[in-house]
Amino acid sequence: MHTFEHPVTPAVLSASLLALCEEIVPCGSPTYVDVRPVPGAPSNECFPIVEDRVRTHGGAMVLGWALREQPSLFIEAEFHAVWRSPSDGLLDIAPKKRPTQRILFLPDPARRYEGRQVNNVRKSLTKSPAVIGFLKTFDQEFELMNRGAREHQHGKIALEVDEAQELKRIQKVRTAHSVEIMKLHRVVGPYDPCWCGSGKKVKWCHGVGNAV
């Protein structure tokens, strides 16, 4: 048996997902964007990657939110940048840690990138205390890691002893919730939409045996 163990590109624009989009960008419209990562570029560094591509190839940076879901458990939006290519339209050129052919992207014209970290927006799809508690730990960790002058820092962050202990407590709670959430993960069937976002069924794409 294989399950969705990580958030994936939503295959369906559900009512919950559209409500989240409306909350973040009123009257906004999410769209699927092909992933064509820059070879050798680091993952999770979309802003400098897109800025560099605009300098060297033209086009423009488009800011918005990458939308993901943990099927039946929660949905989330991550502040993200994609490249508007002069010839191919919107492209996500930031490398991914897991196989991803398309992302679901919500453009946000009102947003500006100012070098500060932006917390993900997360919504539970269930009343499960484990899921709700799990999501809460990410907000707690974000507040801790971006407290004070750390708001503008990137990369490895040094914490004082008391804050390091606070972080360990948060992560311990998250781990405990994760164990409970594992029991709730939805089983991946061969005819489910593939987690890579291709739009194809699992059977004809990455296969059930490669579930993430």
Protein backbone atom coordinates (compact mmCIF):
# COMPACT_ATOMS: atom_id res chain seq x y z
CA MET A 1 0.00 0.00 0.00
CA HIS A 2 1.31 3.44 -0.95
CA THR A 3 0.18 6.80 0.38
CA PHE A 4 0.64 10.48 -0.29
CA GLU A 5 3.31 11.23 2.31
CA HIS A 6 4.04 14.82 1.26
CA PRO A 7 2.00 17.73 -0.12
CA VAL A 8 1.58 17.53 -3.90
CA THR A 9 0.28 19.65 -6.77
CA PRO A 10 -3.53 19.74 -6.49
CA ALA A 11 -5.20 17.81 -9.29
CA VAL A 12 -8.60 19.42 -8.76
CA LEU A 13 -9.63 23.00 -8.00
CA SER A 14 -11.74 22.03 -5.00
CA ALA A 15 -14.05 24.40 -3.16
CA SER A 16 -11.60 24.50 -0.23
CA LEU A 17 -8.69 25.34 -2.51
CA LEU A 18 -10.61 28.07 -4.32
CA ALA A 19 -11.66 29.53 -0.96
CA LEU A 20 -8.01 29.68 0.08
CA CYS A 21 -7.14 31.42 -3.20
CA GLU A 22 -9.91 33.97 -2.65
CA GLU A 23 -8.62 34.63 0.87
CA ILE A 24 -5.08 35.27 -0.34
CA VAL A 25 -5.78 37.04 -3.66
CA PRO A 26 -9.39 38.20 -4.00
CA CYS A 27 -10.65 37.52 -7.54
CA GLY A 28 -7.34 35.79 -8.34
CA SER A 29 -7.16 32.83 -10.69
CA PRO A 30 -4.79 29.87 -10.13
CA THR A 31 -3.11 28.36 -13.17
CA TYR A 32 -0.91 25.34 -13.83
CA VAL A 33 2.69 26.23 -14.66
CA ASP A 34 5.23 23.86 -16.21
CA VAL A 35 8.41 23.18 -14.23
CA ARG A 36 11.65 23.58 -16.17
CA PRO A 37 14.38 23.88 -13.52
CA VAL A 38 17.67 25.63 -14.14
CA PRO A 39 20.36 22.89 -14.12
CA GLY A 40 22.60 23.03 -11.07
CA ALA A 41 20.57 25.71 -9.30
CA PRO A 42 19.74 25.18 -5.60
CA SER A 43 16.23 24.17 -4.54
CA ASN A 44 14.01 26.56 -2.59
CA GLU A 45 15.77 29.66 -3.96
CA CYS A 46 13.23 30.80 -6.53
CA PHE A 47 13.71 34.55 -6.08
CA PRO A 48 17.44 34.84 -6.92
CA ILE A 49 17.07 32.18 -9.64
CA VAL A 50 14.31 34.10 -11.39
CA GLU A 51 16.08 37.44 -10.90
CA ASP A 52 19.18 36.01 -12.58
CA ARG A 53 17.15 34.57 -15.46
CA VAL A 54 15.48 37.94 -16.09
CA ARG A 55 18.90 39.63 -16.23
CA THR A 56 20.30 37.11 -18.68
CA HIS A 57 17.27 36.19 -20.80
CA GLY A 58 14.76 39.01 -20.37
CA GLY A 59 11.16 38.44 -19.46
CA ALA A 60 9.86 39.22 -15.98
CA MET A 61 9.49 37.88 -12.46
CA VAL A 62 5.92 37.06 -11.45
CA LEU A 63 5.20 36.79 -7.73
CA GLY A 64 2.45 34.71 -6.24
CA TRP A 65 1.77 31.49 -4.39
CA ALA A 66 2.56 27.87 -5.16
CA LEU A 67 -0.43 25.80 -4.07
CA ARG A 68 -0.10 22.28 -2.66
CA GLU A 69 -2.27 19.77 -0.87
CA GLN A 70 -1.89 16.78 1.38
CA PRO A 71 -4.92 14.95 -0.05
CA SER A 72 -7.85 14.93 2.40
CA LEU A 73 -5.70 16.46 5.18
CA PHE A 74 -4.62 20.03 4.41
CA ILE A 75 -3.85 22.60 1.72
CA GLU A 76 -1.13 25.23 1.73
CA ALA A 77 0.17 28.19 -0.26
CA GLU A 78 3.87 29.12 -0.39
CA PHE A 79 5.09 32.56 -1.49
CA HIS A 80 6.86 31.87 -4.78
CA ALA A 81 8.33 33.42 -7.92
CA VAL A 82 8.05 32.13 -11.48
CA TRP A 83 9.56 33.45 -14.71
CA ARG A 84 7.54 34.97 -17.51
CA SER A 85 9.55 33.87 -20.52
CA PRO A 86 9.52 36.15 -23.59
CA SER A 87 8.53 33.14 -25.71
CA ASP A 88 6.99 30.42 -23.50
CA GLY A 89 4.85 32.27 -20.96
CA LEU A 90 5.00 31.36 -17.27
CA LEU A 91 7.62 28.80 -16.23
CA ASP A 92 8.73 27.57 -12.81
CA ILE A 93 12.51 27.39 -13.14
CA ALA A 94 13.37 26.59 -9.51
CA PRO A 95 14.54 22.97 -8.91
CA LYS A 96 12.32 20.73 -6.78
CA LYS A 97 13.27 18.13 -4.19
CA ARG A 98 10.65 15.69 -5.55
CA PRO A 99 9.48 14.89 -9.08
CA THR A 100 7.28 17.78 -10.18
CA GLN A 101 6.16 18.47 -13.74
CA ARG A 102 3.69 21.25 -12.97
CA ILE A 103 2.79 23.48 -10.05
CA LEU A 104 -0.50 25.21 -9.39
CA PHE A 105 0.35 28.91 -9.18
CA LEU A 106 -1.73 31.84 -7.94
CA PRO A 107 -0.34 35.17 -9.24
CA ASP A 108 -0.42 37.97 -6.65
CA PRO A 109 0.05 41.39 -8.33
CA ALA A 110 -0.09 43.22 -4.99
CA ARG A 111 2.90 41.38 -3.56
CA ARG A 112 6.50 42.63 -3.53
CA TYR A 113 9.60 40.65 -2.61
CA GLU A 114 11.54 42.58 0.04
CA GLY A 115 14.02 39.95 1.16
CA ARG A 116 11.94 38.86 4.14
CA GLN A 117 10.69 35.36 4.77
CA VAL A 118 6.94 34.92 4.21
CA ASN A 119 5.09 32.23 6.11
CA ASN A 120 3.06 29.64 4.23
CA VAL A 121 -0.72 29.87 4.49
CA ARG A 122 -2.13 26.53 5.63
CA LYS A 123 -5.69 25.27 6.05
CA SER A 124 -6.79 21.97 7.51
CA LEU A 125 -9.27 19.89 5.51
CA THR A 126 -10.25 17.89 8.56
CA LYS A 127 -11.16 18.43 12.20
CA SER A 128 -8.44 16.02 13.28
CA PRO A 129 -6.56 17.47 16.29
CA ALA A 130 -3.38 15.83 14.93
CA VAL A 131 -3.59 17.70 11.62
CA ILE A 132 -4.54 21.00 13.25
CA GLY A 133 -1.74 20.65 15.80
CA PHE A 134 0.74 19.64 13.10
CA LEU A 135 0.02 22.78 11.06
CA LYS A 136 0.23 24.97 14.15
CA THR A 137 3.82 23.89 14.78
CA PHE A 138 4.90 25.38 11.44
CA ASP A 139 3.50 28.77 12.45
CA GLN A 140 5.26 28.50 15.80
CA GLU A 141 8.57 27.59 14.16
CA PHE A 142 8.25 30.41 11.62
CA GLU A 143 7.66 32.96 14.39
CA LEU A 144 10.68 31.68 16.29
CA MET A 145 13.06 31.54 13.32
CA ASN A 146 12.06 35.01 12.10
CA ARG A 147 11.96 36.71 15.47
CA GLY A 148 13.58 40.14 15.68
CA ALA A 149 16.62 40.74 13.46
CA ARG A 150 16.34 37.20 12.05
CA GLU A 151 13.45 38.37 9.88
CA HIS A 152 15.90 39.37 7.13
CA GLN A 153 18.40 36.52 7.62
CA HIS A 154 18.68 33.60 5.22
CA GLY A 155 20.46 30.26 5.37
CA LYS A 156 21.57 28.69 8.64
CA ILE A 157 20.28 30.54 11.72
CA ALA A 158 22.10 30.54 15.06
CA LEU A 159 19.85 30.37 18.14
CA GLU A 160 20.56 31.05 21.78
CA VAL A 161 20.24 28.07 24.13
CA ASP A 162 16.72 28.90 25.34
CA GLU A 163 15.43 29.42 21.81
CA ALA A 164 17.15 26.26 20.60
CA GLN A 165 15.31 24.38 23.32
CA GLU A 166 12.06 26.05 22.28
CA LEU A 167 12.64 24.89 18.71
CA LYS A 168 13.26 21.33 19.88
CA ARG A 169 9.98 21.36 21.81
CA ILE A 170 8.09 22.55 18.72
CA GLN A 171 9.69 19.89 16.54
CA LYS A 172 9.01 17.19 19.13
CA VAL A 173 5.31 18.08 19.10
CA ARG A 174 5.33 18.04 15.28
CA THR A 175 6.88 14.60 15.24
CA ALA A 176 4.23 13.27 17.61
CA HIS A 177 1.47 14.68 15.40
CA SER A 178 3.19 13.25 12.31
CA VAL A 179 2.92 9.75 13.73
CA GLU A 180 -0.83 10.21 14.15
CA ILE A 181 -1.21 11.78 10.71
CA MET A 182 0.45 8.78 9.05
CA LYS A 183 -2.67 6.79 9.92
CA LEU A 184 -4.77 9.31 7.98
CA HIS A 185 -2.74 9.46 4.75
CA ARG A 186 -4.87 8.67 1.73
CA VAL A 187 -3.92 5.57 -0.25
CA VAL A 188 -2.64 6.21 -3.78
CA GLY A 189 -4.50 4.27 -6.46
CA PRO A 190 -3.28 3.62 -10.01
CA TYR A 191 -6.00 5.87 -11.42
CA ASP A 192 -5.42 8.81 -9.08
CA PRO A 193 -3.86 11.94 -10.65
CA CYS A 194 -0.08 11.66 -10.37
CA TRP A 195 1.55 13.65 -7.57
CA CYS A 196 4.04 15.24 -10.01
CA GLY A 197 1.27 17.49 -11.32
CA SER A 198 1.47 16.20 -14.90
CA GLY A 199 -2.29 15.71 -15.06
CA LYS A 200 -1.80 12.04 -16.01
CA LYS A 201 -3.00 9.08 -13.94
CA VAL A 202 -0.43 7.50 -11.62
CA LYS A 203 -0.47 4.25 -13.61
CA TRP A 204 0.79 5.98 -16.76
CA CYS A 205 3.14 8.43 -15.07
CA HIS A 206 5.36 7.82 -12.02
CA GLY A 207 3.65 4.58 -10.99
CA VAL A 208 2.29 3.55 -7.60
CA GLY A 209 5.62 2.05 -6.60
CA ASN A 210 7.20 5.51 -6.66
CA ALA A 211 4.68 7.26 -4.43
CA VAL A 212 6.04 10.15 -2.38
